[in-house]
Amino acid sequence: MSNFKIPATQKVAVVPKAGGTIEIKHDWPVRQQKDLAPGECLVKIESSGCCHTDLHAALGDWPLQAMTPLIGGHEGVGIVVAIGNNTNNSPVKLGERVGIKWLADSCLNCEDCRKGREQNCSQAKLSGFTVDGTFAEYVVSFVNHVTPIPEGFPSNDAASILCAGVTVYRAIKNSRTEQGDWIVIPGAGGGLGHLAVQYARARGLRVIAIDTGDHKAKLCKDLGAEAWIDFKTSKDIVADVKKVTGGPGAHSAVVTAASSGGYTQALDYLRAGATLMAVGLPGTATLNASIFFTVFKSISICGSYVGNRQDAREALEIAARGQVKVHFVTKDLKELKDTYDGLTAGTVAGRVVFDMTK
């Protein structure tokens, strides 16, 4: 039983229908301890990051449709304040600080789960998409999938690691690169991109950052990018990448940009034997690749979709050691609409984290 006082209602940001206007509600019901199913836990949210995926879910512009009414958010950090009755061998305890990720739950028994692809489980529950997310003061989650937050690692700093961080970490981890290899990060000044720059540097890779604007240029260079290419001022991005690498091109590209152009172009500036890691999700856009040159250059194209429970722990540990730092601004939840407008316009550098303790 919980010793925490759980209110009957809470503040949430909810989208009543796909493409609808965000509404801040102060009377949304809170699931009580007695109503939690075995394996469920109630988390009092301290911080919640904001991701481009949240915008897509609210707009309803993906091939997959989110639930409505929708409470978005999937980068939440908070305290476990209740656990469902008859939960056996819970890996988390009351009072423990945990993170809630995009992958809220999976069966843990199917082939995908057994092989470490829990995010591909056919029974997966997705925070802020198929179940209520972290743009709320209290969230129901699942004891087997919440992630313990390293002691001493601030909640606001940890929030964005739970999606943006783990997503790019897994992509770089699986990019078939070795220390000293060149890796290109299109969208490097954005929420995922600026973390990709740092995780790549932590693995000893040489980073070419592609984005636009003086602010993003400074951010990427400060984070350790060895080269910067502004896609708005560059006359030939492919040539620029090849020049930086001494001619043959990069060993890998982790495309975090939410547009199709970044994918098609990447195939032209990769060297033979390179790997294109597809991470950004540009809605209904398609990837147009030359089959001939993909085969002729032995290029591998790999989709990388968030990460599993182990990836999350590893990504958090690296950040907690100070090797990766999220560049973010804190806002109040009522500023969610303005944040979505900034994401749409492409003017958000780094991440936005909502402080839910205010």
Protein backbone atom coordinates (compact mmCIF):
# COMPACT_ATOMS: atom_id res chain seq x y z
CA MET A 1 0.00 0.00 0.00
CA SER A 2 1.14 3.56 -0.67
CA ASN A 3 2.00 5.93 2.16
CA PHE A 4 1.91 8.87 -0.22
CA LYS A 5 -1.08 11.18 -0.30
CA ILE A 6 -2.58 10.93 -3.77
CA PRO A 7 -5.02 13.68 -4.85
CA ALA A 8 -8.28 12.98 -6.65
CA THR A 9 -7.53 15.37 -9.52
CA GLN A 10 -4.53 16.84 -11.27
CA LYS A 11 -3.30 19.27 -13.94
CA VAL A 12 -2.77 17.85 -17.45
CA ALA A 13 -2.29 19.10 -21.00
CA VAL A 14 -4.78 17.30 -23.22
CA VAL A 15 -5.60 17.35 -26.93
CA PRO A 16 -9.29 16.44 -27.28
CA LYS A 17 -8.98 15.23 -30.91
CA ALA A 18 -6.33 14.84 -33.59
CA GLY A 19 -5.26 18.29 -34.73
CA GLY A 20 -7.19 19.90 -31.88
CA THR A 21 -6.11 22.74 -29.64
CA ILE A 22 -4.15 21.94 -26.48
CA GLU A 23 -6.21 22.42 -23.34
CA ILE A 24 -4.83 22.72 -19.80
CA LYS A 25 -7.17 20.92 -17.41
CA HIS A 26 -6.96 21.16 -13.63
CA ASP A 27 -9.65 18.61 -12.80
CA TRP A 28 -8.37 15.48 -14.56
CA PRO A 29 -8.86 12.37 -12.42
CA VAL A 30 -5.86 10.61 -10.82
CA ARG A 31 -5.87 6.79 -10.78
CA GLN A 32 -5.87 5.68 -7.14
CA GLN A 33 -3.72 2.89 -5.72
CA LYS A 34 -6.64 0.49 -5.30
CA ASP A 35 -7.43 0.86 -9.00
CA LEU A 36 -3.95 0.00 -10.25
CA ALA A 37 -3.60 -3.38 -11.93
CA PRO A 38 -0.82 -5.79 -10.95
CA GLY A 39 2.41 -4.56 -12.54
CA GLU A 40 1.23 -0.97 -12.74
CA CYS A 41 2.69 1.92 -10.78
CA LEU A 42 1.69 5.54 -10.25
CA VAL A 43 4.45 8.10 -10.79
CA LYS A 44 4.32 11.70 -9.55
CA ILE A 45 5.99 13.62 -12.35
CA GLU A 46 8.74 16.14 -11.57
CA SER A 47 9.94 16.86 -15.12
CA SER A 48 8.78 16.09 -18.64
CA GLY A 49 10.70 16.67 -21.83
CA CYS A 50 9.01 17.62 -25.09
CA CYS A 51 9.73 15.70 -28.28
CA HIS A 52 8.89 16.16 -31.96
CA THR A 53 6.94 12.92 -31.67
CA ASP A 54 4.56 14.64 -29.25
CA LEU A 55 3.83 17.22 -31.94
CA HIS A 56 3.12 14.52 -34.54
CA ALA A 57 0.84 12.70 -32.10
CA ALA A 58 -1.12 15.89 -31.41
CA LEU A 59 -1.42 16.75 -35.11
CA GLY A 60 -2.37 13.21 -36.08
CA ASP A 61 -0.15 13.39 -39.19
CA TRP A 62 1.52 9.98 -38.83
CA PRO A 63 0.37 6.78 -40.54
CA LEU A 64 -0.34 5.53 -36.99
CA GLN A 65 -2.99 7.42 -35.04
CA ALA A 66 -2.74 8.30 -31.36
CA MET A 67 -5.52 7.78 -28.85
CA THR A 68 -7.87 10.68 -28.13
CA PRO A 69 -8.34 12.53 -25.94
CA LEU A 70 -4.56 12.55 -25.78
CA ILE A 71 -2.26 13.39 -22.89
CA GLY A 72 1.10 13.50 -24.66
CA GLY A 73 4.63 13.29 -23.34
CA HIS A 74 7.07 10.39 -23.00
CA GLU A 75 10.16 11.83 -21.32
CA GLY A 76 8.98 11.90 -17.73
CA VAL A 77 10.94 11.71 -14.49
CA GLY A 78 9.19 11.32 -11.15
CA ILE A 79 8.68 9.43 -7.93
CA VAL A 80 6.87 6.10 -7.63
CA VAL A 81 4.02 6.85 -5.20
CA ALA A 82 1.91 3.70 -5.61
CA ILE A 83 2.20 0.15 -6.93
CA GLY A 84 -0.69 -2.10 -7.87
CA ASN A 85 -1.76 -4.84 -5.47
CA ASN A 86 -0.48 -8.36 -6.22
CA THR A 87 2.55 -7.04 -8.13
CA ASN A 88 5.20 -9.73 -7.79
CA ASN A 89 8.94 -9.03 -7.61
CA SER A 90 8.66 -5.37 -8.58
CA PRO A 91 12.08 -4.06 -9.70
CA VAL A 92 11.18 -0.60 -8.36
CA LYS A 93 10.08 0.52 -4.92
CA LEU A 94 7.88 3.22 -3.47
CA GLY A 95 9.76 6.50 -3.27
CA GLU A 96 12.18 5.53 -6.04
CA ARG A 97 12.88 8.07 -8.79
CA VAL A 98 12.25 6.61 -12.23
CA GLY A 99 11.91 7.59 -15.85
CA ILE A 100 8.97 6.97 -18.17
CA LYS A 101 9.93 6.42 -21.81
CA TRP A 102 8.14 6.18 -25.16
CA LEU A 103 7.92 2.44 -24.65
CA ALA A 104 5.65 2.21 -21.62
CA ASP A 105 5.23 -1.56 -21.62
CA SER A 106 5.77 -4.72 -23.65
CA CYS A 107 5.00 -8.39 -23.17
CA LEU A 108 8.68 -9.37 -22.53
CA ASN A 109 7.93 -12.87 -23.86
CA CYS A 110 7.68 -12.59 -27.66
CA GLU A 111 10.61 -13.05 -30.05
CA ASP A 112 11.17 -9.30 -30.41
CA CYS A 113 11.26 -8.78 -26.65
CA ARG A 114 13.56 -11.76 -26.10
CA LYS A 115 15.98 -10.45 -28.72
CA GLY A 116 16.17 -6.97 -27.18
CA ARG A 117 13.70 -5.33 -29.56
CA GLU A 118 11.07 -4.65 -26.93
CA GLN A 119 10.02 -1.51 -28.83
CA ASN A 120 8.87 -3.73 -31.72
CA CYS A 121 6.62 -5.89 -29.53
CA SER A 122 3.18 -6.29 -31.09
CA GLN A 123 1.64 -5.66 -27.65
CA ALA A 124 3.72 -2.57 -26.90
CA LYS A 125 2.08 0.32 -25.07
CA LEU A 126 3.40 3.77 -26.02
CA SER A 127 3.47 6.68 -23.56
CA GLY A 128 1.61 9.72 -24.83
CA PHE A 129 0.31 7.78 -27.82
CA THR A 130 -1.61 4.64 -26.88
CA VAL A 131 -1.61 5.31 -23.11
CA ASP A 132 -1.63 8.59 -21.20
CA GLY A 133 1.72 10.35 -21.21
CA THR A 134 3.83 12.60 -19.02
CA PHE A 135 2.26 16.01 -19.66
CA ALA A 136 0.49 15.44 -16.36
CA GLU A 137 1.21 15.60 -12.65
CA TYR A 138 0.57 11.86 -12.20
CA VAL A 139 1.07 9.03 -14.70
CA VAL A 140 0.22 5.35 -14.57
CA SER A 141 3.15 3.31 -15.87
CA PHE A 142 4.58 -0.21 -15.56
CA VAL A 143 7.12 -1.47 -13.02
CA ASN A 144 9.03 -3.61 -15.53
CA HIS A 145 9.63 -0.73 -17.93
CA VAL A 146 10.19 2.40 -15.87
CA THR A 147 13.91 3.17 -15.71
CA PRO A 148 15.75 3.96 -12.45
CA ILE A 149 17.41 7.39 -12.56
CA PRO A 150 21.05 7.47 -11.38
CA GLU A 151 21.45 9.04 -7.96
CA GLY A 152 22.48 12.68 -8.10
CA PHE A 153 21.42 13.14 -11.73
CA PRO A 154 18.89 16.03 -11.76
CA SER A 155 15.41 15.21 -13.04
CA ASN A 156 15.36 18.08 -15.55
CA ASP A 157 18.66 16.88 -17.02
CA ALA A 158 17.54 13.26 -17.14
CA ALA A 159 14.16 13.84 -18.81
CA SER A 160 15.30 14.24 -22.42
CA ILE A 161 17.72 11.33 -22.19
CA LEU A 162 14.70 9.02 -21.88
CA CYS A 163 13.74 9.48 -25.53
CA ALA A 164 16.06 11.79 -27.44
CA GLY A 165 19.12 10.44 -25.66
CA VAL A 166 18.38 6.74 -25.81
CA THR A 167 17.20 7.03 -29.43
CA VAL A 168 20.42 8.52 -30.77
CA TYR A 169 22.57 6.46 -28.41
CA ARG A 170 21.18 3.20 -29.79
CA ALA A 171 21.51 4.43 -33.38
CA ILE A 172 25.15 5.37 -32.91
CA LYS A 173 25.82 2.17 -30.96
CA ASN A 174 24.52 0.16 -33.95
CA SER A 175 26.07 2.32 -36.69
CA ARG A 176 28.96 -0.11 -37.31
CA THR A 177 31.50 2.63 -36.67
CA GLU A 178 34.83 2.48 -34.91
CA GLN A 179 36.84 5.04 -32.97
CA GLY A 180 38.15 7.71 -35.33
CA ASP A 181 35.46 7.18 -37.99
CA TRP A 182 33.55 10.09 -39.50
CA ILE A 183 29.85 10.36 -38.68
CA VAL A 184 27.43 12.95 -40.09
CA ILE A 185 24.56 14.29 -37.99
CA PRO A 186 21.96 16.17 -40.08
CA GLY A 187 19.75 18.22 -37.79
CA ALA A 188 22.67 18.41 -35.35
CA GLY A 189 21.47 21.52 -33.54
CA GLY A 190 18.05 20.10 -32.70
CA GLY A 191 16.78 18.14 -29.75
CA LEU A 192 18.01 14.74 -30.92
CA GLY A 193 20.91 16.05 -32.96
CA HIS A 194 22.77 17.91 -30.21
CA LEU A 195 22.68 14.75 -28.10
CA ALA A 196 23.84 12.64 -31.06
CA VAL A 197 26.89 14.91 -31.40
CA GLN A 198 27.81 14.20 -27.78
CA TYR A 199 27.16 10.45 -27.77
CA ALA A 200 29.20 10.18 -30.97
CA ARG A 201 32.08 12.07 -29.37
CA ALA A 202 31.81 9.85 -26.27
CA ARG A 203 32.40 6.86 -28.57
CA GLY A 204 35.46 8.48 -30.15
CA LEU A 205 33.84 9.40 -33.47
CA ARG A 206 34.60 12.49 -35.56
CA VAL A 207 31.43 14.51 -36.06
CA ILE A 208 30.27 16.54 -39.05
CA ALA A 209 27.27 18.59 -37.97
CA ILE A 210 24.69 19.75 -40.52
CA ASP A 211 22.04 22.32 -39.62
CA THR A 212 21.47 26.04 -40.07
CA GLY A 213 21.81 29.23 -38.04
CA ASP A 214 24.54 30.86 -35.97
CA HIS A 215 23.09 29.71 -32.65
CA LYS A 216 23.02 26.06 -33.71
CA ALA A 217 26.49 26.39 -35.23
CA LYS A 218 27.93 27.59 -31.93
CA LEU A 219 26.10 24.89 -30.00
CA CYS A 220 27.42 22.09 -32.22
CA LYS A 221 30.99 23.38 -32.19
CA ASP A 222 30.91 23.81 -28.42
CA LEU A 223 29.73 20.20 -28.09
CA GLY A 224 32.70 18.90 -30.05
CA ALA A 225 31.62 18.74 -33.68
CA GLU A 226 34.78 18.78 -35.78
CA ALA A 227 33.09 20.32 -38.81
CA TRP A 228 29.97 22.42 -39.39
CA ILE A 229 27.95 22.70 -42.60
CA ASP A 230 25.07 25.17 -42.89
CA PHE A 231 22.59 23.59 -45.29
CA LYS A 232 21.14 26.98 -46.25
CA THR A 233 24.45 28.54 -47.25
CA SER A 234 26.29 25.48 -48.57
CA LYS A 235 26.38 25.27 -52.36
CA ASP A 236 27.03 21.51 -52.34
CA ILE A 237 26.60 19.58 -49.09
CA VAL A 238 27.82 16.31 -50.61
CA ALA A 239 31.02 17.94 -51.80
CA ASP A 240 31.49 19.67 -48.46
CA VAL A 241 31.20 16.39 -46.53
CA LYS A 242 33.65 14.64 -48.86
CA LYS A 243 36.11 17.53 -48.54
CA VAL A 244 36.06 17.32 -44.75
CA THR A 245 36.66 13.56 -44.83
CA GLY A 246 39.51 13.82 -47.33
CA GLY A 247 37.54 12.54 -50.30
CA PRO A 248 35.71 9.24 -49.77
CA GLY A 249 32.88 10.49 -47.53
CA ALA A 250 31.64 9.57 -44.07
CA HIS A 251 31.49 6.13 -42.46
CA SER A 252 27.96 6.71 -41.18
CA ALA A 253 25.14 9.19 -40.94
CA VAL A 254 22.55 9.30 -38.19
CA VAL A 255 19.66 11.23 -39.68
CA THR A 256 17.59 12.77 -36.92
CA ALA A 257 15.93 15.42 -39.09
CA ALA A 258 12.17 15.04 -39.56
CA SER A 259 12.32 15.57 -43.33
CA SER A 260 12.98 13.20 -46.22
CA GLY A 261 15.69 15.35 -47.83
CA GLY A 262 18.22 14.49 -45.15
CA TYR A 263 17.93 10.79 -45.97
CA THR A 264 18.28 10.97 -49.74
CA GLN A 265 21.28 13.29 -49.57
CA ALA A 266 23.05 11.13 -47.00
CA LEU A 267 23.38 8.25 -49.45
CA ASP A 268 25.47 10.47 -51.73
CA TYR A 269 28.03 11.59 -49.13
CA LEU A 270 28.61 8.17 -47.53
CA ARG A 271 31.69 6.15 -48.48
CA ALA A 272 31.67 2.54 -49.60
CA GLY A 273 30.68 0.17 -46.80
CA ALA A 274 29.01 2.96 -44.80
CA THR A 275 25.81 2.75 -42.78
CA LEU A 276 22.84 5.10 -42.93
CA MET A 277 20.96 5.09 -39.63
CA ALA A 278 17.39 6.26 -40.13
CA VAL A 279 16.05 7.83 -36.92
CA GLY A 280 13.87 10.86 -37.70
CA LEU A 281 10.24 10.11 -38.55
CA PRO A 282 8.99 12.47 -41.29
CA GLY A 283 5.38 11.26 -41.38
CA THR A 284 4.38 9.86 -44.76
CA ALA A 285 7.57 10.77 -46.64
CA THR A 286 9.44 8.02 -48.48
CA LEU A 287 13.14 7.19 -48.77
CA ASN A 288 14.28 7.29 -52.40
CA ALA A 289 17.57 5.49 -52.83
CA SER A 290 19.45 4.39 -55.91
CA ILE A 291 19.37 0.60 -55.70
CA PHE A 292 22.34 0.38 -58.05
CA PHE A 293 24.65 2.60 -55.99
CA THR A 294 23.37 1.27 -52.67
CA VAL A 295 24.47 -2.18 -53.82
CA PHE A 296 27.58 -1.00 -55.70
CA LYS A 297 28.87 0.94 -52.65
CA SER A 298 27.79 -1.77 -50.17
CA ILE A 299 25.71 0.80 -48.25
CA SER A 300 23.61 -0.46 -45.34
CA ILE A 301 20.36 1.33 -44.53
CA CYS A 302 19.12 0.60 -41.01
CA GLY A 303 16.05 1.85 -39.21
CA SER A 304 16.67 2.53 -35.53
CA TYR A 305 13.59 2.98 -33.37
CA VAL A 306 14.09 4.35 -29.82
CA GLY A 307 15.81 1.75 -27.59
CA ASN A 308 15.29 -1.09 -25.16
CA ARG A 309 15.56 -1.10 -21.37
CA GLN A 310 19.30 -1.75 -21.40
CA ASP A 311 19.92 1.04 -23.92
CA ALA A 312 18.09 3.44 -21.62
CA ARG A 313 20.22 2.51 -18.61
CA GLU A 314 23.43 2.88 -20.62
CA ALA A 315 22.41 6.25 -22.09
CA LEU A 316 21.51 7.57 -18.64
CA GLU A 317 24.75 6.36 -17.08
CA ILE A 318 26.85 8.09 -19.74
CA ALA A 319 24.94 11.34 -19.21
CA ALA A 320 25.08 11.05 -15.43
CA ARG A 321 28.89 10.77 -15.67
CA GLY A 322 28.92 14.14 -17.43
CA GLN A 323 29.88 12.92 -20.90
CA VAL A 324 26.56 14.07 -22.36
CA LYS A 325 24.65 17.16 -21.29
CA VAL A 326 21.18 18.08 -22.46
CA HIS A 327 20.94 21.72 -23.49
CA PHE A 328 17.44 22.70 -22.52
CA VAL A 329 15.21 25.47 -21.29
CA THR A 330 12.59 24.89 -18.61
CA LYS A 331 9.05 26.03 -19.16
CA ASP A 332 5.64 25.78 -17.56
CA LEU A 333 3.23 23.21 -19.00
CA LYS A 334 0.93 26.03 -20.11
CA GLU A 335 3.61 26.95 -22.69
CA LEU A 336 3.21 23.64 -24.53
CA LYS A 337 1.39 25.20 -27.52
CA ASP A 338 4.14 27.79 -28.00
CA THR A 339 6.70 24.98 -27.82
CA TYR A 340 4.89 23.05 -30.55
CA ASP A 341 4.88 26.21 -32.68
CA GLY A 342 8.65 26.47 -32.23
CA LEU A 343 9.17 22.83 -33.19
CA THR A 344 7.04 23.33 -36.31
CA ALA A 345 9.09 26.38 -37.29
CA GLY A 346 12.39 24.63 -36.55
CA THR A 347 13.50 27.37 -34.15
CA VAL A 348 14.01 25.21 -31.05
CA ALA A 349 17.70 24.60 -30.36
CA GLY A 350 18.31 21.79 -27.89
CA ARG A 351 15.35 20.63 -25.81
CA VAL A 352 12.41 21.98 -23.83
CA VAL A 353 11.67 20.51 -20.40
CA PHE A 354 8.50 21.24 -18.46
CA ASP A 355 9.03 21.64 -14.72
CA MET A 356 6.02 19.89 -13.23
CA THR A 357 6.84 20.85 -9.64
CA LYS A 358 5.63 24.42 -10.12
